[in-house]
Amino acid sequence: MTAPQTLPQAQRQRCEVWTRVMGYHRPVSAFNPGKQSEHRERVHFTESAALAGRQ
């Protein structure tokens, strides 16, 4: 496996993140500052972590 490469800043492109809130898909950039902060603090579910905690 090779080491990850990082693009120069001039070649990078901003990625818009969308999430589902109350049944609607919305871009996180459209959230108010409080909701954006809450979104950054979310812990994402991973199956391997859930299975490890089941011991």
PDB file of N, CA and C in Angstrom:
ATOM      1  N   MET A   1       0.839  -1.175   0.000  1.00  0.00           N
ATOM      2  CA  MET A   1       0.000   0.000   0.000  1.00  0.00           C
ATOM      3  C   MET A   1       0.890   1.247   0.000  1.00  0.00           C
ATOM      4  N   THR A   2       0.512   2.243  -0.770  1.00  0.00           N
ATOM      5  CA  THR A   2       1.312   3.456  -0.859  1.00  0.00           C
ATOM      6  C   THR A   2       0.789   4.504   0.113  1.00  0.00           C
ATOM      7  N   ALA A   3       1.653   5.438   0.424  1.00  0.00           N
ATOM      8  CA  ALA A   3       1.265   6.524   1.335  1.00  0.00           C
ATOM      9  C   ALA A   3       0.281   7.450   0.637  1.00  0.00           C
ATOM     10  N   PRO A   4      -0.682   8.020   1.365  1.00  0.00           N
ATOM     11  CA  PRO A   4      -1.640   8.949   0.740  1.00  0.00           C
ATOM     12  C   PRO A   4      -0.926  10.195   0.235  1.00  0.00           C
ATOM     13  N   GLN A   5      -1.415  10.727  -0.864  1.00  0.00           N
ATOM     14  CA  GLN A   5      -0.832  11.926  -1.444  1.00  0.00           C
ATOM     15  C   GLN A   5      -1.747  13.115  -1.162  1.00  0.00           C
ATOM     16  N   THR A   6      -1.152  14.277  -1.015  1.00  0.00           N
ATOM     17  CA  THR A   6      -1.920  15.501  -0.795  1.00  0.00           C
ATOM     18  C   THR A   6      -1.736  16.412  -1.997  1.00  0.00           C
ATOM     19  N   LEU A   7      -2.835  16.914  -2.518  1.00  0.00           N
ATOM     20  CA  LEU A   7      -2.777  17.832  -3.657  1.00  0.00           C
ATOM     21  C   LEU A   7      -2.328  19.214  -3.208  1.00  0.00           C
ATOM     22  N   PRO A   8      -1.655  19.943  -4.080  1.00  0.00           N
ATOM     23  CA  PRO A   8      -1.336  21.343  -3.756  1.00  0.00           C
ATOM     24  C   PRO A   8      -2.640  22.138  -3.590  1.00  0.00           C
ATOM     25  N   GLN A   9      -2.593  23.179  -2.799  1.00  0.00           N
ATOM     26  CA  GLN A   9      -3.778  23.982  -2.502  1.00  0.00           C
ATOM     27  C   GLN A   9      -4.456  24.484  -3.772  1.00  0.00           C
ATOM     28  N   ALA A  10      -3.670  24.819  -4.802  1.00  0.00           N
ATOM     29  CA  ALA A  10      -4.237  25.349  -6.052  1.00  0.00           C
ATOM     30  C   ALA A  10      -5.075  24.313  -6.800  1.00  0.00           C
ATOM     31  N   GLN A  11      -4.830  23.019  -6.564  1.00  0.00           N
ATOM     32  CA  GLN A  11      -5.560  21.962  -7.264  1.00  0.00           C
ATOM     33  C   GLN A  11      -6.727  21.407  -6.451  1.00  0.00           C
ATOM     34  N   ARG A  12      -6.852  21.808  -5.200  1.00  0.00           N
ATOM     35  CA  ARG A  12      -7.915  21.278  -4.346  1.00  0.00           C
ATOM     36  C   ARG A  12      -9.250  21.919  -4.690  1.00  0.00           C
ATOM     37  N   GLN A  13     -10.326  21.185  -4.423  1.00  0.00           N
ATOM     38  CA  GLN A  13     -11.671  21.678  -4.694  1.00  0.00           C
ATOM     39  C   GLN A  13     -12.514  21.488  -3.436  1.00  0.00           C
ATOM     40  N   ARG A  14     -13.289  22.498  -3.100  1.00  0.00           N
ATOM     41  CA  ARG A  14     -14.139  22.421  -1.902  1.00  0.00           C
ATOM     42  C   ARG A  14     -15.216  21.362  -2.100  1.00  0.00           C
ATOM     43  N   CYS A  15     -15.429  20.566  -1.090  1.00  0.00           N
ATOM     44  CA  CYS A  15     -16.428  19.493  -1.127  1.00  0.00           C
ATOM     45  C   CYS A  15     -17.631  19.922  -0.288  1.00  0.00           C
ATOM     46  N   GLU A  16     -18.808  19.862  -0.873  1.00  0.00           N
ATOM     47  CA  GLU A  16     -20.013  20.232  -0.133  1.00  0.00           C
ATOM     48  C   GLU A  16     -20.593  18.985   0.530  1.00  0.00           C
ATOM     49  N   VAL A  17     -20.806  19.054   1.824  1.00  0.00           N
ATOM     50  CA  VAL A  17     -21.321  17.934   2.610  1.00  0.00           C
ATOM     51  C   VAL A  17     -22.811  18.139   2.832  1.00  0.00           C
ATOM     52  N   TRP A  18     -23.604  17.101   2.535  1.00  0.00           N
ATOM     53  CA  TRP A  18     -25.045  17.132   2.762  1.00  0.00           C
ATOM     54  C   TRP A  18     -25.381  16.127   3.857  1.00  0.00           C
ATOM     55  N   THR A  19     -26.444  16.383   4.588  1.00  0.00           N
ATOM     56  CA  THR A  19     -26.909  15.467   5.608  1.00  0.00           C
ATOM     57  C   THR A  19     -28.436  15.485   5.636  1.00  0.00           C
ATOM     58  N   ARG A  20     -29.010  14.444   6.204  1.00  0.00           N
ATOM     59  CA  ARG A  20     -30.467  14.358   6.286  1.00  0.00           C
ATOM     60  C   ARG A  20     -30.912  14.868   7.653  1.00  0.00           C
ATOM     61  N   VAL A  21     -31.785  15.860   7.634  1.00  0.00           N
ATOM     62  CA  VAL A  21     -32.326  16.440   8.867  1.00  0.00           C
ATOM     63  C   VAL A  21     -33.835  16.477   8.728  1.00  0.00           C
ATOM     64  N   MET A  22     -34.526  15.850   9.658  1.00  0.00           N
ATOM     65  CA  MET A  22     -35.990  15.858   9.678  1.00  0.00           C
ATOM     66  C   MET A  22     -36.577  15.398   8.345  1.00  0.00           C
ATOM     67  N   GLY A  23     -35.940  14.413   7.714  1.00  0.00           N
ATOM     68  CA  GLY A  23     -36.470  13.839   6.485  1.00  0.00           C
ATOM     69  C   GLY A  23     -36.064  14.556   5.214  1.00  0.00           C
ATOM     70  N   TYR A  24     -35.332  15.650   5.311  1.00  0.00           N
ATOM     71  CA  TYR A  24     -34.901  16.410   4.140  1.00  0.00           C
ATOM     72  C   TYR A  24     -33.384  16.390   4.043  1.00  0.00           C
ATOM     73  N   HIS A  25     -32.847  16.334   2.841  1.00  0.00           N
ATOM     74  CA  HIS A  25     -31.410  16.433   2.632  1.00  0.00           C
ATOM     75  C   HIS A  25     -31.045  17.903   2.465  1.00  0.00           C
ATOM     76  N   ARG A  26     -30.081  18.366   3.272  1.00  0.00           N
ATOM     77  CA  ARG A  26     -29.674  19.780   3.245  1.00  0.00           C
ATOM     78  C   ARG A  26     -28.161  19.872   3.261  1.00  0.00           C
ATOM     79  N   PRO A  27     -27.590  20.888   2.605  1.00  0.00           N
ATOM     80  CA  PRO A  27     -26.142  21.091   2.710  1.00  0.00           C
ATOM     81  C   PRO A  27     -25.795  21.639   4.092  1.00  0.00           C
ATOM     82  N   VAL A  28     -24.745  21.127   4.675  1.00  0.00           N
ATOM     83  CA  VAL A  28     -24.332  21.581   6.007  1.00  0.00           C
ATOM     84  C   VAL A  28     -23.974  23.060   5.977  1.00  0.00           C
ATOM     85  N   SER A  29     -23.504  23.561   4.843  1.00  0.00           N
ATOM     86  CA  SER A  29     -23.141  24.979   4.738  1.00  0.00           C
ATOM     87  C   SER A  29     -24.356  25.888   4.909  1.00  0.00           C
ATOM     88  N   ALA A  30     -25.574  25.361   4.735  1.00  0.00           N
ATOM     89  CA  ALA A  30     -26.786  26.166   4.895  1.00  0.00           C
ATOM     90  C   ALA A  30     -27.269  26.193   6.350  1.00  0.00           C
ATOM     91  N   PHE A  31     -26.628  25.413   7.229  1.00  0.00           N
ATOM     92  CA  PHE A  31     -27.016  25.392   8.636  1.00  0.00           C
ATOM     93  C   PHE A  31     -26.574  26.679   9.327  1.00  0.00           C
ATOM     94  N   ASN A  32     -27.252  27.036  10.419  1.00  0.00           N
ATOM     95  CA  ASN A  32     -26.805  28.162  11.229  1.00  0.00           C
ATOM     96  C   ASN A  32     -25.550  27.723  12.001  1.00  0.00           C
ATOM     97  N   PRO A  33     -24.777  28.670  12.553  1.00  0.00           N
ATOM     98  CA  PRO A  33     -23.510  28.307  13.213  1.00  0.00           C
ATOM     99  C   PRO A  33     -23.665  27.270  14.332  1.00  0.00           C
ATOM    100  N   GLY A  34     -24.730  27.340  15.104  1.00  0.00           N
ATOM    101  CA  GLY A  34     -24.942  26.366  16.177  1.00  0.00           C
ATOM    102  C   GLY A  34     -25.148  24.963  15.650  1.00  0.00           C
ATOM    103  N   LYS A  35     -25.929  24.820  14.596  1.00  0.00           N
ATOM    104  CA  LYS A  35     -26.191  23.516  14.000  1.00  0.00           C
ATOM    105  C   LYS A  35     -24.928  22.965  13.322  1.00  0.00           C
ATOM    106  N   GLN A  36     -24.117  23.855  12.697  1.00  0.00           N
ATOM    107  CA  GLN A  36     -22.854  23.415  12.103  1.00  0.00           C
ATOM    108  C   GLN A  36     -21.921  22.866  13.178  1.00  0.00           C
ATOM    109  N   SER A  37     -21.870  23.534  14.334  1.00  0.00           N
ATOM    110  CA  SER A  37     -21.049  23.061  15.444  1.00  0.00           C
ATOM    111  C   SER A  37     -21.532  21.701  15.931  1.00  0.00           C
ATOM    112  N   GLU A  38     -22.835  21.551  16.044  1.00  0.00           N
ATOM    113  CA  GLU A  38     -23.419  20.271  16.462  1.00  0.00           C
ATOM    114  C   GLU A  38     -23.067  19.170  15.459  1.00  0.00           C
ATOM    115  N   HIS A  39     -23.102  19.488  14.176  1.00  0.00           N
ATOM    116  CA  HIS A  39     -22.776  18.504  13.137  1.00  0.00           C
ATOM    117  C   HIS A  39     -21.319  18.055  13.244  1.00  0.00           C
ATOM    118  N   ARG A  40     -20.395  18.983  13.543  1.00  0.00           N
ATOM    119  CA  ARG A  40     -18.975  18.635  13.687  1.00  0.00           C
ATOM    120  C   ARG A  40     -18.742  17.711  14.875  1.00  0.00           C
ATOM    121  N   GLU A  41     -19.583  17.792  15.903  1.00  0.00           N
ATOM    122  CA  GLU A  41     -19.404  16.994  17.114  1.00  0.00           C
ATOM    123  C   GLU A  41     -20.033  15.602  17.017  1.00  0.00           C
ATOM    124  N   ARG A  42     -20.751  15.314  15.958  1.00  0.00           N
ATOM    125  CA  ARG A  42     -21.413  14.016  15.822  1.00  0.00           C
ATOM    126  C   ARG A  42     -20.405  12.881  15.772  1.00  0.00           C
ATOM    127  N   VAL A  43     -20.794  11.762  16.363  1.00  0.00           N
ATOM    128  CA  VAL A  43     -19.984  10.544  16.316  1.00  0.00           C
ATOM    129  C   VAL A  43     -20.654   9.621  15.312  1.00  0.00           C
ATOM    130  N   HIS A  44     -19.898   9.195  14.304  1.00  0.00           N
ATOM    131  CA  HIS A  44     -20.462   8.358  13.257  1.00  0.00           C
ATOM    132  C   HIS A  44     -20.392   6.887  13.636  1.00  0.00           C
ATOM    133  N   PHE A  45     -21.428   6.152  13.343  1.00  0.00           N
ATOM    134  CA  PHE A  45     -21.543   4.738  13.620  1.00  0.00           C
ATOM    135  C   PHE A  45     -20.639   3.942  12.700  1.00  0.00           C
ATOM    136  N   THR A  46     -19.900   2.983  13.273  1.00  0.00           N
ATOM    137  CA  THR A  46     -19.167   2.009  12.469  1.00  0.00           C
ATOM    138  C   THR A  46     -19.509   0.630  13.013  1.00  0.00           C
ATOM    139  N   GLU A  47     -19.779  -0.287  12.122  1.00  0.00           N
ATOM    140  CA  GLU A  47     -20.187  -1.630  12.535  1.00  0.00           C
ATOM    141  C   GLU A  47     -19.105  -2.335  13.331  1.00  0.00           C
ATOM    142  N   SER A  48     -17.847  -2.177  12.923  1.00  0.00           N
ATOM    143  CA  SER A  48     -16.756  -2.861  13.636  1.00  0.00           C
ATOM    144  C   SER A  48     -16.644  -2.380  15.078  1.00  0.00           C
ATOM    145  N   ALA A  49     -16.830  -1.082  15.309  1.00  0.00           N
ATOM    146  CA  ALA A  49     -16.774  -0.553  16.673  1.00  0.00           C
ATOM    147  C   ALA A  49     -17.951  -1.061  17.509  1.00  0.00           C
ATOM    148  N   ALA A  50     -19.113  -1.175  16.889  1.00  0.00           N
ATOM    149  CA  ALA A  50     -20.289  -1.664  17.602  1.00  0.00           C
ATOM    150  C   ALA A  50     -20.122  -3.118  17.985  1.00  0.00           C
ATOM    151  N   LEU A  51     -19.566  -3.917  17.088  1.00  0.00           N
ATOM    152  CA  LEU A  51     -19.355  -5.331  17.363  1.00  0.00           C
ATOM    153  C   LEU A  51     -18.281  -5.529  18.433  1.00  0.00           C
ATOM    154  N   ALA A  52     -17.265  -4.679  18.457  1.00  0.00           N
ATOM    155  CA  ALA A  52     -16.207  -4.783  19.450  1.00  0.00           C
ATOM    156  C   ALA A  52     -16.742  -4.492  20.845  1.00  0.00           C
ATOM    157  N   GLY A  53     -17.713  -3.611  20.964  1.00  0.00           N
ATOM    158  CA  GLY A  53     -18.282  -3.255  22.260  1.00  0.00           C
ATOM    159  C   GLY A  53     -19.258  -4.290  22.801  1.00  0.00           C
ATOM    160  N   ARG A  54     -19.576  -5.303  21.995  1.00  0.00           N
ATOM    161  CA  ARG A  54     -20.562  -6.315  22.374  1.00  0.00           C
ATOM    162  C   ARG A  54     -19.966  -7.451  23.180  1.00  0.00           C
ATOM    163  N   GLN A  55     -18.688  -7.462  23.458  1.00  0.00           N
ATOM    164  CA  GLN A  55     -18.022  -8.589  24.127  1.00  0.00           C
ATOM    165  C   GLN A  55     -18.543  -8.872  25.483  1.00  0.00           C
TER     166      GLN A  55
END
